[in-house]
Amino acid sequence: MSPSTGPTSGGPNNLFHLPVRSQRLNLRGAAIHLGISPARLRLLRLLGTGPAHTTQDSYKIEDLDRYIARLYEQADISMAEMARRRSLSAGARHSAITIAASQKQSLPIDPFMVMATRGDIIEHAVYFLLKAMALFGLIMLCVSVSPLLKTHLD
């Protein structure tokens, strides 16, 4: 390889691959992309379910799309139908994301996503509630003064 055809020569056959930065959305933009309200997305994050998030209020679009695909797969809806449904409201979602700074604009809500995330919320909330009830029962058992304990200790 001659110096004029090396990788740093800048010739026509050289490609410089720059790292691709994944697009990120804040909480409101991610909620719009999913088709749910920001409060519902916040609740999903609080319960430990929903799409993966990188920081408190930052979501990668790839993770949001993966979560949407998982919900459609759980509902046994084909990927072609998912793409068709998502493309119907893509324009409204895109315009809502671009002007997400105005808080007064109504958000486009996807009825399927509301229903599918409701299942996630209920599943994880029941699990959380059962753990809290078990902990409360254990605390009550340890703290309570039972008449049976008094009779055995006397």
N, C-alpha and C. Protein backbone atom coordinates (compact mmCIF):
# COMPACT_ATOMS: atom_id res chain seq x y z
N MET A 1 0.85 -1.16 0.00
CA MET A 1 0.00 0.00 0.00
C MET A 1 0.89 1.23 0.00
N SER A 2 0.70 2.07 -0.96
CA SER A 2 1.52 3.28 -1.06
C SER A 2 0.97 4.35 -0.14
N PRO A 3 1.78 5.34 0.22
CA PRO A 3 1.32 6.39 1.12
C PRO A 3 0.15 7.17 0.55
N SER A 4 0.02 7.24 -0.76
CA SER A 4 -1.08 8.03 -1.32
C SER A 4 -2.42 7.29 -1.29
N THR A 5 -2.39 5.96 -1.04
CA THR A 5 -3.64 5.21 -1.01
C THR A 5 -3.94 4.68 0.39
N GLY A 6 -3.25 5.14 1.38
CA GLY A 6 -3.45 4.66 2.75
C GLY A 6 -4.77 5.16 3.33
N PRO A 7 -5.11 4.67 4.50
CA PRO A 7 -6.38 5.02 5.11
C PRO A 7 -6.47 6.50 5.49
N THR A 8 -5.37 7.19 5.62
CA THR A 8 -5.42 8.60 6.00
C THR A 8 -5.23 9.53 4.82
N SER A 9 -5.23 8.97 3.61
CA SER A 9 -4.96 9.81 2.45
C SER A 9 -6.16 10.67 2.06
N GLY A 10 -7.35 10.31 2.50
CA GLY A 10 -8.54 11.10 2.15
C GLY A 10 -8.98 10.88 0.73
N GLY A 11 -8.56 9.79 0.12
CA GLY A 11 -8.94 9.48 -1.25
C GLY A 11 -10.41 9.11 -1.35
N PRO A 12 -10.91 8.90 -2.56
CA PRO A 12 -12.32 8.62 -2.77
C PRO A 12 -12.77 7.26 -2.23
N ASN A 13 -11.83 6.33 -2.02
CA ASN A 13 -12.20 5.01 -1.53
C ASN A 13 -12.23 4.92 -0.01
N ASN A 14 -11.88 5.99 0.65
CA ASN A 14 -11.84 5.95 2.11
C ASN A 14 -13.16 6.42 2.71
N LEU A 15 -13.61 5.66 3.66
CA LEU A 15 -14.82 6.03 4.38
C LEU A 15 -14.45 6.30 5.83
N PHE A 16 -14.91 7.38 6.33
CA PHE A 16 -14.70 7.70 7.74
C PHE A 16 -16.00 7.41 8.47
N HIS A 17 -15.97 6.45 9.36
CA HIS A 17 -17.16 6.07 10.12
C HIS A 17 -17.16 6.84 11.43
N LEU A 18 -18.14 7.68 11.55
CA LEU A 18 -18.29 8.43 12.78
C LEU A 18 -19.23 7.68 13.71
N PRO A 19 -19.02 7.79 15.00
CA PRO A 19 -19.94 7.09 15.92
C PRO A 19 -21.35 7.70 15.81
N VAL A 20 -22.32 6.83 15.76
CA VAL A 20 -23.70 7.28 15.65
C VAL A 20 -24.26 7.47 17.06
N ARG A 21 -24.73 8.66 17.31
CA ARG A 21 -25.33 8.93 18.61
C ARG A 21 -26.80 8.58 18.53
N SER A 22 -27.24 7.79 19.47
CA SER A 22 -28.65 7.43 19.46
C SER A 22 -29.48 8.62 19.94
N GLN A 23 -30.63 8.75 19.33
CA GLN A 23 -31.49 9.85 19.72
C GLN A 23 -32.10 9.57 21.07
N ARG A 24 -32.18 10.62 21.86
CA ARG A 24 -32.77 10.50 23.19
C ARG A 24 -33.93 11.47 23.30
N LEU A 25 -34.90 11.07 24.09
CA LEU A 25 -36.05 11.92 24.35
C LEU A 25 -36.19 12.12 25.85
N ASN A 26 -36.68 13.28 26.22
CA ASN A 26 -36.97 13.50 27.63
C ASN A 26 -38.26 12.75 27.99
N LEU A 27 -38.69 12.87 29.23
CA LEU A 27 -39.86 12.12 29.69
C LEU A 27 -41.10 12.45 28.87
N ARG A 28 -41.33 13.71 28.63
CA ARG A 28 -42.52 14.13 27.86
C ARG A 28 -42.44 13.63 26.42
N GLY A 29 -41.28 13.77 25.79
CA GLY A 29 -41.12 13.28 24.42
C GLY A 29 -41.25 11.78 24.33
N ALA A 30 -40.73 11.06 25.32
CA ALA A 30 -40.85 9.60 25.33
C ALA A 30 -42.31 9.18 25.51
N ALA A 31 -43.04 9.90 26.36
CA ALA A 31 -44.46 9.59 26.55
C ALA A 31 -45.23 9.83 25.26
N ILE A 32 -44.91 10.90 24.56
CA ILE A 32 -45.57 11.19 23.28
C ILE A 32 -45.23 10.09 22.27
N HIS A 33 -43.97 9.67 22.23
CA HIS A 33 -43.55 8.62 21.29
C HIS A 33 -44.30 7.32 21.58
N LEU A 34 -44.50 7.02 22.86
CA LEU A 34 -45.21 5.80 23.22
C LEU A 34 -46.71 5.92 23.02
N GLY A 35 -47.24 7.14 23.11
CA GLY A 35 -48.68 7.34 22.99
C GLY A 35 -49.39 7.27 24.32
N ILE A 36 -48.68 7.57 25.40
CA ILE A 36 -49.27 7.58 26.74
C ILE A 36 -48.97 8.92 27.39
N SER A 37 -49.55 9.14 28.55
CA SER A 37 -49.31 10.41 29.25
C SER A 37 -47.97 10.34 29.99
N PRO A 38 -47.36 11.50 30.25
CA PRO A 38 -46.11 11.50 31.03
C PRO A 38 -46.29 10.93 32.43
N ALA A 39 -47.46 11.14 33.03
CA ALA A 39 -47.71 10.59 34.38
C ALA A 39 -47.70 9.06 34.35
N ARG A 40 -48.26 8.47 33.30
CA ARG A 40 -48.26 7.01 33.18
C ARG A 40 -46.84 6.49 32.98
N LEU A 41 -46.04 7.17 32.19
CA LEU A 41 -44.65 6.76 31.99
C LEU A 41 -43.86 6.89 33.29
N ARG A 42 -44.12 7.94 34.04
CA ARG A 42 -43.47 8.12 35.34
C ARG A 42 -43.86 6.99 36.30
N LEU A 43 -45.14 6.59 36.28
CA LEU A 43 -45.60 5.49 37.13
C LEU A 43 -44.96 4.17 36.71
N LEU A 44 -44.83 3.94 35.41
CA LEU A 44 -44.15 2.73 34.94
C LEU A 44 -42.72 2.68 35.44
N ARG A 45 -42.04 3.82 35.38
CA ARG A 45 -40.65 3.88 35.84
C ARG A 45 -40.58 3.65 37.36
N LEU A 46 -41.55 4.22 38.10
CA LEU A 46 -41.58 4.05 39.55
C LEU A 46 -41.78 2.60 39.96
N LEU A 47 -42.61 1.88 39.21
CA LEU A 47 -42.88 0.47 39.51
C LEU A 47 -41.79 -0.46 38.99
N GLY A 48 -40.82 0.07 38.25
CA GLY A 48 -39.72 -0.75 37.75
C GLY A 48 -40.03 -1.49 36.48
N THR A 49 -40.96 -1.01 35.70
CA THR A 49 -41.30 -1.63 34.43
C THR A 49 -41.27 -0.56 33.35
N GLY A 50 -41.72 -0.88 32.19
CA GLY A 50 -41.71 0.09 31.10
C GLY A 50 -40.41 0.04 30.33
N PRO A 51 -40.20 1.02 29.47
CA PRO A 51 -38.98 1.02 28.66
C PRO A 51 -37.75 1.33 29.50
N ALA A 52 -36.62 0.83 29.05
CA ALA A 52 -35.36 1.12 29.74
C ALA A 52 -35.07 2.61 29.61
N HIS A 53 -34.60 3.20 30.69
CA HIS A 53 -34.24 4.62 30.63
C HIS A 53 -32.79 4.78 31.05
N THR A 54 -32.14 5.77 30.47
CA THR A 54 -30.72 5.96 30.73
C THR A 54 -30.49 6.81 31.97
N THR A 55 -31.21 7.89 32.08
CA THR A 55 -31.12 8.72 33.28
C THR A 55 -32.54 8.94 33.79
N GLN A 56 -32.69 9.82 34.73
CA GLN A 56 -34.01 10.08 35.32
C GLN A 56 -35.05 10.40 34.25
N ASP A 57 -34.72 11.26 33.33
CA ASP A 57 -35.71 11.70 32.34
C ASP A 57 -35.22 11.55 30.91
N SER A 58 -34.42 10.54 30.61
CA SER A 58 -33.89 10.38 29.27
C SER A 58 -34.12 8.95 28.80
N TYR A 59 -34.68 8.84 27.60
CA TYR A 59 -34.98 7.54 27.01
C TYR A 59 -34.42 7.47 25.60
N LYS A 60 -33.83 6.34 25.24
CA LYS A 60 -33.38 6.12 23.87
C LYS A 60 -34.57 5.69 23.03
N ILE A 61 -34.63 6.18 21.80
CA ILE A 61 -35.74 5.83 20.92
C ILE A 61 -35.73 4.33 20.62
N GLU A 62 -34.53 3.73 20.53
CA GLU A 62 -34.45 2.28 20.28
C GLU A 62 -35.11 1.50 21.42
N ASP A 63 -34.88 1.95 22.67
CA ASP A 63 -35.49 1.27 23.82
C ASP A 63 -37.00 1.44 23.83
N LEU A 64 -37.47 2.61 23.44
CA LEU A 64 -38.91 2.85 23.37
C LEU A 64 -39.55 1.95 22.31
N ASP A 65 -38.90 1.85 21.15
CA ASP A 65 -39.42 1.00 20.07
C ASP A 65 -39.39 -0.47 20.47
N ARG A 66 -38.36 -0.87 21.18
CA ARG A 66 -38.27 -2.25 21.67
C ARG A 66 -39.42 -2.56 22.64
N TYR A 67 -39.72 -1.61 23.52
CA TYR A 67 -40.82 -1.78 24.48
C TYR A 67 -42.16 -1.87 23.76
N ILE A 68 -42.36 -1.02 22.77
CA ILE A 68 -43.60 -1.06 21.99
C ILE A 68 -43.74 -2.42 21.30
N ALA A 69 -42.66 -2.89 20.69
CA ALA A 69 -42.69 -4.19 20.00
C ALA A 69 -43.00 -5.32 20.99
N ARG A 70 -42.46 -5.23 22.20
CA ARG A 70 -42.73 -6.26 23.21
C ARG A 70 -44.20 -6.28 23.59
N LEU A 71 -44.81 -5.10 23.77
CA LEU A 71 -46.22 -5.05 24.13
C LEU A 71 -47.10 -5.59 23.00
N TYR A 72 -46.78 -5.26 21.76
CA TYR A 72 -47.54 -5.79 20.63
C TYR A 72 -47.36 -7.30 20.52
N GLU A 73 -46.16 -7.79 20.80
CA GLU A 73 -45.92 -9.23 20.75
C GLU A 73 -46.70 -9.95 21.84
N GLN A 74 -46.74 -9.36 23.04
CA GLN A 74 -47.51 -9.97 24.14
C GLN A 74 -49.00 -10.02 23.81
N ALA A 75 -49.49 -9.03 23.07
CA ALA A 75 -50.90 -9.00 22.67
C ALA A 75 -51.15 -9.87 21.44
N ASP A 76 -50.12 -10.52 20.93
CA ASP A 76 -50.21 -11.39 19.75
C ASP A 76 -50.70 -10.62 18.53
N ILE A 77 -50.16 -9.42 18.36
CA ILE A 77 -50.45 -8.60 17.18
C ILE A 77 -49.20 -8.61 16.32
N SER A 78 -49.38 -8.84 15.03
CA SER A 78 -48.23 -8.98 14.13
C SER A 78 -47.46 -7.66 14.01
N MET A 79 -46.21 -7.79 13.60
CA MET A 79 -45.37 -6.61 13.43
C MET A 79 -45.87 -5.73 12.28
N ALA A 80 -46.49 -6.35 11.26
CA ALA A 80 -47.04 -5.56 10.16
C ALA A 80 -48.21 -4.71 10.65
N GLU A 81 -49.06 -5.28 11.49
CA GLU A 81 -50.18 -4.52 12.05
C GLU A 81 -49.66 -3.43 12.99
N MET A 82 -48.62 -3.75 13.74
CA MET A 82 -48.02 -2.74 14.63
C MET A 82 -47.51 -1.56 13.80
N ALA A 83 -46.80 -1.86 12.72
CA ALA A 83 -46.26 -0.79 11.87
C ALA A 83 -47.39 0.04 11.26
N ARG A 84 -48.47 -0.62 10.86
CA ARG A 84 -49.60 0.09 10.28
C ARG A 84 -50.25 1.02 11.31
N ARG A 85 -50.47 0.50 12.49
CA ARG A 85 -51.10 1.32 13.55
C ARG A 85 -50.22 2.49 13.95
N ARG A 86 -48.93 2.23 14.09
CA ARG A 86 -48.01 3.29 14.51
C ARG A 86 -47.85 4.34 13.42
N SER A 87 -47.91 3.93 12.15
CA SER A 87 -47.74 4.90 11.07
C SER A 87 -48.95 5.83 10.93
N LEU A 88 -50.12 5.37 11.38
CA LEU A 88 -51.32 6.22 11.30
C LEU A 88 -51.19 7.47 12.16
N SER A 89 -50.55 7.32 13.30
CA SER A 89 -50.44 8.48 14.21
C SER A 89 -49.02 9.04 14.26
N ALA A 90 -48.18 8.64 13.33
CA ALA A 90 -46.78 9.09 13.35
C ALA A 90 -46.66 10.60 13.16
N GLY A 91 -47.46 11.17 12.29
CA GLY A 91 -47.39 12.62 12.06
C GLY A 91 -47.77 13.41 13.28
N ALA A 92 -48.83 12.99 13.96
CA ALA A 92 -49.27 13.70 15.17
C ALA A 92 -48.23 13.56 16.28
N ARG A 93 -47.64 12.38 16.41
CA ARG A 93 -46.61 12.18 17.44
C ARG A 93 -45.38 13.02 17.14
N HIS A 94 -44.95 13.05 15.87
CA HIS A 94 -43.75 13.81 15.51
C HIS A 94 -43.96 15.30 15.75
N SER A 95 -45.11 15.83 15.36
CA SER A 95 -45.35 17.26 15.58
C SER A 95 -45.47 17.57 17.06
N ALA A 96 -46.03 16.64 17.85
CA ALA A 96 -46.13 16.87 19.29
C ALA A 96 -44.76 16.83 19.96
N ILE A 97 -43.87 15.99 19.46
CA ILE A 97 -42.53 15.92 20.03
C ILE A 97 -41.75 17.19 19.70
N THR A 98 -41.91 17.69 18.48
CA THR A 98 -41.14 18.88 18.09
C THR A 98 -41.59 20.12 18.84
N ILE A 99 -42.85 20.20 19.21
CA ILE A 99 -43.31 21.36 19.98
C ILE A 99 -43.70 20.95 21.39
N ALA A 100 -42.95 20.01 21.97
CA ALA A 100 -43.26 19.50 23.31
C ALA A 100 -43.03 20.54 24.39
N ALA A 101 -42.40 21.64 24.06
CA ALA A 101 -42.16 22.67 25.06
C ALA A 101 -43.46 23.32 25.50
N SER A 102 -44.43 23.41 24.60
CA SER A 102 -45.70 24.03 25.00
C SER A 102 -46.50 22.99 25.79
N GLN A 103 -46.71 23.25 27.05
CA GLN A 103 -47.36 22.31 27.95
C GLN A 103 -48.87 22.24 27.72
N LYS A 104 -49.44 23.20 27.02
CA LYS A 104 -50.89 23.27 26.87
C LYS A 104 -51.42 22.44 25.71
N GLN A 105 -50.54 21.94 24.86
CA GLN A 105 -50.97 21.16 23.72
C GLN A 105 -51.45 19.78 24.19
N SER A 106 -52.56 19.32 23.62
CA SER A 106 -53.04 17.99 23.98
C SER A 106 -52.15 16.94 23.34
N LEU A 107 -51.88 15.89 24.07
CA LEU A 107 -50.98 14.85 23.60
C LEU A 107 -51.75 13.78 22.83
N PRO A 108 -51.17 13.25 21.76
CA PRO A 108 -51.82 12.15 21.05
C PRO A 108 -51.72 10.87 21.88
N ILE A 109 -52.85 10.29 22.21
CA ILE A 109 -52.89 9.10 23.05
C ILE A 109 -53.24 7.90 22.18
N ASP A 110 -52.49 6.83 22.33
CA ASP A 110 -52.72 5.58 21.60
C ASP A 110 -53.51 4.64 22.52
N PRO A 111 -54.76 4.33 22.18
CA PRO A 111 -55.58 3.48 23.06
C PRO A 111 -54.95 2.11 23.34
N PHE A 112 -54.30 1.52 22.35
CA PHE A 112 -53.66 0.22 22.59
C PHE A 112 -52.56 0.34 23.64
N MET A 113 -51.73 1.38 23.53
CA MET A 113 -50.62 1.54 24.47
C MET A 113 -51.14 1.81 25.89
N VAL A 114 -52.24 2.54 26.00
CA VAL A 114 -52.83 2.78 27.31
C VAL A 114 -53.29 1.46 27.91
N MET A 115 -53.95 0.64 27.10
CA MET A 115 -54.44 -0.65 27.58
C MET A 115 -53.28 -1.60 27.91
N ALA A 116 -52.27 -1.64 27.06
CA ALA A 116 -51.15 -2.55 27.28
C ALA A 116 -50.33 -2.13 28.50
N THR A 117 -50.12 -0.83 28.67
CA THR A 117 -49.35 -0.40 29.85
C THR A 117 -50.16 -0.56 31.11
N ARG A 118 -51.49 -0.54 31.02
CA ARG A 118 -52.32 -0.79 32.19
C ARG A 118 -52.04 -2.19 32.72
N GLY A 119 -51.88 -3.15 31.82
CA GLY A 119 -51.55 -4.50 32.25
C GLY A 119 -50.21 -4.55 32.97
N ASP A 120 -49.21 -3.85 32.45
CA ASP A 120 -47.91 -3.78 33.12
C ASP A 120 -48.03 -3.13 34.49
N ILE A 121 -48.78 -2.05 34.58
CA ILE A 121 -48.94 -1.34 35.85
C ILE A 121 -49.63 -2.22 36.88
N ILE A 122 -50.70 -2.89 36.48
CA ILE A 122 -51.43 -3.74 37.43
C ILE A 122 -50.56 -4.90 37.89
N GLU A 123 -49.87 -5.52 36.95
CA GLU A 123 -49.01 -6.66 37.31
C GLU A 123 -47.95 -6.27 38.33
N HIS A 124 -47.28 -5.15 38.08
CA HIS A 124 -46.20 -4.75 38.99
C HIS A 124 -46.73 -4.12 40.26
N ALA A 125 -47.88 -3.46 40.20
CA ALA A 125 -48.46 -2.87 41.40
C ALA A 125 -48.94 -3.96 42.35
N VAL A 126 -49.53 -5.03 41.83
CA VAL A 126 -49.98 -6.14 42.68
C VAL A 126 -48.78 -6.79 43.35
N TYR A 127 -47.71 -6.99 42.61
CA TYR A 127 -46.50 -7.56 43.18
C TYR A 127 -45.95 -6.67 44.30
N PHE A 128 -45.92 -5.36 44.04
CA PHE A 128 -45.44 -4.41 45.04
C PHE A 128 -46.37 -4.42 46.26
N LEU A 129 -47.68 -4.48 46.04
CA LEU A 129 -48.65 -4.50 47.13
C LEU A 129 -48.50 -5.76 47.97
N LEU A 130 -48.31 -6.89 47.34
CA LEU A 130 -48.13 -8.14 48.09
C LEU A 130 -46.86 -8.10 48.94
N LYS A 131 -45.79 -7.54 48.40
CA LYS A 131 -44.57 -7.41 49.20
C LYS A 131 -44.80 -6.47 50.38
N ALA A 132 -45.51 -5.38 50.16
CA ALA A 132 -45.79 -4.43 51.26
C ALA A 132 -46.67 -5.08 52.32
N MET A 133 -47.66 -5.86 51.89
CA MET A 133 -48.54 -6.54 52.86
C MET A 133 -47.77 -7.58 53.66
N ALA A 134 -46.88 -8.31 53.03
CA ALA A 134 -46.08 -9.30 53.75
C ALA A 134 -45.17 -8.61 54.77
N LEU A 135 -44.57 -7.51 54.38
CA LEU A 135 -43.72 -6.76 55.30
C LEU A 135 -44.54 -6.20 56.46
N PHE A 136 -45.72 -5.66 56.16
CA PHE A 136 -46.59 -5.13 57.21
C PHE A 136 -47.02 -6.25 58.16
N GLY A 137 -47.36 -7.42 57.62
CA GLY A 137 -47.74 -8.55 58.47
C GLY A 137 -46.61 -9.00 59.37
N LEU A 138 -45.39 -9.02 58.83
CA LEU A 138 -44.23 -9.40 59.63
C LEU A 138 -43.99 -8.39 60.75
N ILE A 139 -44.12 -7.12 60.43
CA ILE A 139 -43.94 -6.08 61.45
C ILE A 139 -45.02 -6.20 62.52
N MET A 140 -46.26 -6.41 62.11
CA MET A 140 -47.34 -6.55 63.09
C MET A 140 -47.16 -7.78 63.96
N LEU A 141 -46.64 -8.84 63.39
CA LEU A 141 -46.39 -10.06 64.16
C LEU A 141 -45.32 -9.83 65.22
N CYS A 142 -44.28 -9.08 64.84
CA CYS A 142 -43.19 -8.83 65.78
C CYS A 142 -43.57 -7.80 66.84
N VAL A 143 -44.38 -6.83 66.50
CA VAL A 143 -44.69 -5.74 67.41
C VAL A 143 -45.88 -6.05 68.30
N SER A 144 -46.81 -6.83 67.80
CA SER A 144 -48.03 -7.05 68.56
C SER A 144 -47.76 -7.85 69.83
N VAL A 145 -48.57 -7.56 70.83
CA VAL A 145 -48.50 -8.30 72.09
C VAL A 145 -49.68 -9.24 72.08
N SER A 146 -49.40 -10.49 71.89
CA SER A 146 -50.45 -11.50 71.75
C SER A 146 -50.78 -12.09 73.12
N PRO A 147 -52.05 -12.35 73.35
CA PRO A 147 -52.41 -13.02 74.62
C PRO A 147 -51.75 -14.39 74.75
N LEU A 148 -51.51 -15.07 73.65
CA LEU A 148 -50.85 -16.37 73.71
C LEU A 148 -49.42 -16.21 74.21
N LEU A 149 -48.74 -15.14 73.81
CA LEU A 149 -47.38 -14.92 74.29
C LEU A 149 -47.38 -14.65 75.79
N LYS A 150 -48.36 -13.91 76.27
CA LYS A 150 -48.43 -13.60 77.72
C LYS A 150 -48.66 -14.86 78.52
N THR A 151 -49.51 -15.78 78.06
CA THR A 151 -49.80 -17.00 78.83
C THR A 151 -48.59 -17.91 78.87
N HIS A 152 -47.81 -17.95 77.80
CA HIS A 152 -46.64 -18.81 77.78
C HIS A 152 -45.48 -18.22 78.57
N LEU A 153 -45.43 -16.93 78.70
CA LEU A 153 -44.32 -16.29 79.40
C LEU A 153 -44.57 -16.19 80.91
N ASP A 154 -45.83 -16.33 81.34
CA ASP A 154 -46.13 -16.23 82.78
C ASP A 154 -45.81 -17.48 83.53
